[in-house]
Amino acid sequence: MRISVNGETHDVKEQTTIAQLLSELGKNPKFLAVERNRELIPRAKHSDCALEEGDELEIVTLVGGG
């Protein structure tokens, strides 16, 4: 199935979770925020959140400063 990640089309297997996608992309979820269809998905729910055809994800890196 096809989804969009930060504006780029990606093909993923059905029932892929956000956690699995982040792993496949080589991303460390500890330093990321993930929005699915304009809704922030808490890190604790990444393993339970199965992606669906046409989902639009925005993955951003958290940056500290001061």
N, C-alpha and C. Protein backbone atom coordinates (compact mmCIF):
# COMPACT_ATOMS: atom_id res chain seq x y z
N MET A 1 0.85 -1.18 0.00
CA MET A 1 0.00 0.00 0.00
C MET A 1 0.89 1.23 0.00
N ARG A 2 0.33 2.33 -0.39
CA ARG A 2 1.10 3.57 -0.49
C ARG A 2 0.72 4.56 0.60
N ILE A 3 1.76 5.16 1.17
CA ILE A 3 1.58 6.22 2.15
C ILE A 3 2.53 7.36 1.77
N SER A 4 2.37 8.47 2.43
CA SER A 4 3.25 9.61 2.22
C SER A 4 4.01 9.88 3.51
N VAL A 5 5.32 10.03 3.40
CA VAL A 5 6.16 10.35 4.56
C VAL A 5 6.92 11.63 4.23
N ASN A 6 6.62 12.68 4.95
CA ASN A 6 7.23 13.99 4.72
C ASN A 6 7.16 14.39 3.24
N GLY A 7 5.99 14.11 2.63
CA GLY A 7 5.76 14.51 1.25
C GLY A 7 6.26 13.54 0.20
N GLU A 8 6.92 12.46 0.60
CA GLU A 8 7.43 11.47 -0.35
C GLU A 8 6.60 10.20 -0.26
N THR A 9 6.30 9.61 -1.41
CA THR A 9 5.52 8.38 -1.45
C THR A 9 6.38 7.18 -1.06
N HIS A 10 5.81 6.33 -0.21
CA HIS A 10 6.48 5.10 0.22
C HIS A 10 5.50 3.94 0.08
N ASP A 11 6.02 2.80 -0.35
CA ASP A 11 5.23 1.57 -0.38
C ASP A 11 5.57 0.77 0.87
N VAL A 12 4.53 0.36 1.60
CA VAL A 12 4.71 -0.44 2.81
C VAL A 12 3.74 -1.61 2.79
N LYS A 13 4.06 -2.64 3.55
CA LYS A 13 3.17 -3.79 3.68
C LYS A 13 1.95 -3.40 4.50
N GLU A 14 0.82 -4.07 4.22
CA GLU A 14 -0.37 -3.82 5.02
C GLU A 14 -0.10 -4.19 6.46
N GLN A 15 -0.75 -3.48 7.37
CA GLN A 15 -0.62 -3.67 8.81
C GLN A 15 0.73 -3.24 9.37
N THR A 16 1.53 -2.51 8.58
CA THR A 16 2.77 -1.94 9.10
C THR A 16 2.42 -0.89 10.14
N THR A 17 3.09 -0.94 11.27
CA THR A 17 2.86 0.05 12.33
C THR A 17 3.84 1.21 12.17
N ILE A 18 3.57 2.28 12.88
CA ILE A 18 4.50 3.41 12.87
C ILE A 18 5.85 2.97 13.40
N ALA A 19 5.87 2.16 14.45
CA ALA A 19 7.13 1.68 15.02
C ALA A 19 7.92 0.89 13.98
N GLN A 20 7.25 0.02 13.24
CA GLN A 20 7.93 -0.76 12.20
C GLN A 20 8.47 0.14 11.10
N LEU A 21 7.68 1.11 10.70
CA LEU A 21 8.12 2.03 9.65
C LEU A 21 9.36 2.79 10.10
N LEU A 22 9.35 3.31 11.31
CA LEU A 22 10.51 4.05 11.81
C LEU A 22 11.75 3.16 11.82
N SER A 23 11.59 1.91 12.21
CA SER A 23 12.70 0.96 12.22
C SER A 23 13.22 0.74 10.79
N GLU A 24 12.30 0.55 9.85
CA GLU A 24 12.69 0.34 8.45
C GLU A 24 13.43 1.55 7.89
N LEU A 25 13.04 2.73 8.35
CA LEU A 25 13.69 3.97 7.88
C LEU A 25 14.97 4.28 8.64
N GLY A 26 15.29 3.47 9.66
CA GLY A 26 16.50 3.68 10.45
C GLY A 26 16.42 4.88 11.38
N LYS A 27 15.21 5.18 11.83
CA LYS A 27 14.99 6.34 12.70
C LYS A 27 14.85 5.91 14.15
N ASN A 28 15.40 6.69 15.06
CA ASN A 28 15.29 6.44 16.49
C ASN A 28 14.08 7.19 17.02
N PRO A 29 13.02 6.49 17.43
CA PRO A 29 11.79 7.17 17.85
C PRO A 29 11.95 8.05 19.09
N LYS A 30 13.02 7.84 19.83
CA LYS A 30 13.25 8.63 21.04
C LYS A 30 13.37 10.13 20.73
N PHE A 31 13.84 10.44 19.53
CA PHE A 31 14.11 11.84 19.18
C PHE A 31 13.17 12.36 18.10
N LEU A 32 12.00 11.69 17.93
CA LEU A 32 11.10 12.06 16.85
C LEU A 32 9.69 12.33 17.36
N ALA A 33 8.98 13.13 16.59
CA ALA A 33 7.54 13.29 16.77
C ALA A 33 6.91 12.84 15.45
N VAL A 34 5.81 12.09 15.55
CA VAL A 34 5.15 11.58 14.35
C VAL A 34 3.71 12.05 14.34
N GLU A 35 3.33 12.65 13.21
CA GLU A 35 1.97 13.10 13.00
C GLU A 35 1.38 12.26 11.88
N ARG A 36 0.21 11.69 12.10
CA ARG A 36 -0.48 10.89 11.09
C ARG A 36 -1.77 11.60 10.73
N ASN A 37 -1.88 11.98 9.46
CA ASN A 37 -3.08 12.69 9.00
C ASN A 37 -3.40 13.88 9.89
N ARG A 38 -2.35 14.62 10.22
CA ARG A 38 -2.43 15.86 11.01
C ARG A 38 -2.79 15.66 12.47
N GLU A 39 -2.60 14.43 12.96
CA GLU A 39 -2.84 14.14 14.37
C GLU A 39 -1.57 13.57 14.99
N LEU A 40 -1.10 14.18 16.07
CA LEU A 40 0.10 13.71 16.74
C LEU A 40 -0.16 12.34 17.36
N ILE A 41 0.73 11.38 17.09
CA ILE A 41 0.61 10.04 17.64
C ILE A 41 1.65 9.90 18.75
N PRO A 42 1.22 9.72 20.00
CA PRO A 42 2.17 9.58 21.11
C PRO A 42 3.10 8.38 20.88
N ARG A 43 4.34 8.52 21.28
CA ARG A 43 5.35 7.47 21.11
C ARG A 43 4.86 6.13 21.68
N ALA A 44 4.16 6.15 22.78
CA ALA A 44 3.67 4.93 23.41
C ALA A 44 2.68 4.17 22.53
N LYS A 45 2.11 4.84 21.52
CA LYS A 45 1.13 4.20 20.65
C LYS A 45 1.71 3.81 19.29
N HIS A 46 2.97 4.08 19.04
CA HIS A 46 3.58 3.78 17.74
C HIS A 46 3.47 2.29 17.38
N SER A 47 3.60 1.41 18.37
CA SER A 47 3.55 -0.03 18.10
C SER A 47 2.13 -0.52 17.83
N ASP A 48 1.14 0.23 18.26
CA ASP A 48 -0.26 -0.16 18.09
C ASP A 48 -0.92 0.49 16.88
N CYS A 49 -0.29 1.48 16.31
CA CYS A 49 -0.91 2.28 15.25
C CYS A 49 -0.55 1.72 13.87
N ALA A 50 -1.46 0.91 13.30
CA ALA A 50 -1.25 0.34 11.97
C ALA A 50 -1.59 1.38 10.91
N LEU A 51 -0.71 1.48 9.93
CA LEU A 51 -0.91 2.44 8.85
C LEU A 51 -1.95 1.94 7.86
N GLU A 52 -2.58 2.88 7.17
CA GLU A 52 -3.60 2.56 6.18
C GLU A 52 -3.27 3.24 4.86
N GLU A 53 -3.80 2.68 3.79
CA GLU A 53 -3.60 3.23 2.44
C GLU A 53 -3.91 4.72 2.45
N GLY A 54 -2.98 5.51 1.90
CA GLY A 54 -3.19 6.94 1.76
C GLY A 54 -2.83 7.78 2.97
N ASP A 55 -2.38 7.14 4.07
CA ASP A 55 -1.99 7.92 5.24
C ASP A 55 -0.89 8.90 4.88
N GLU A 56 -0.95 10.06 5.51
CA GLU A 56 0.09 11.08 5.35
C GLU A 56 0.78 11.26 6.68
N LEU A 57 2.09 10.95 6.71
CA LEU A 57 2.87 11.08 7.93
C LEU A 57 3.85 12.23 7.81
N GLU A 58 4.02 12.92 8.91
CA GLU A 58 5.09 13.90 9.04
C GLU A 58 5.93 13.45 10.20
N ILE A 59 7.21 13.26 9.95
CA ILE A 59 8.14 12.83 10.99
C ILE A 59 9.15 13.96 11.17
N VAL A 60 9.21 14.47 12.39
CA VAL A 60 10.12 15.59 12.66
C VAL A 60 11.06 15.23 13.80
N THR A 61 12.25 15.76 13.74
CA THR A 61 13.25 15.55 14.77
C THR A 61 13.09 16.60 15.84
N LEU A 62 13.11 16.16 17.08
CA LEU A 62 13.03 17.08 18.21
C LEU A 62 14.40 17.68 18.46
N VAL A 63 14.44 18.98 18.63
CA VAL A 63 15.71 19.67 18.84
C VAL A 63 15.60 20.48 20.11
N GLY A 64 16.57 20.29 21.00
CA GLY A 64 16.61 21.07 22.23
C GLY A 64 17.48 22.30 22.02
N GLY A 65 17.26 23.24 22.82
CA GLY A 65 18.07 24.46 22.71
C GLY A 65 17.95 25.27 23.98
N GLY A 66 18.63 26.35 23.96
CA GLY A 66 18.50 27.16 25.15
C GLY A 66 19.40 28.33 25.14
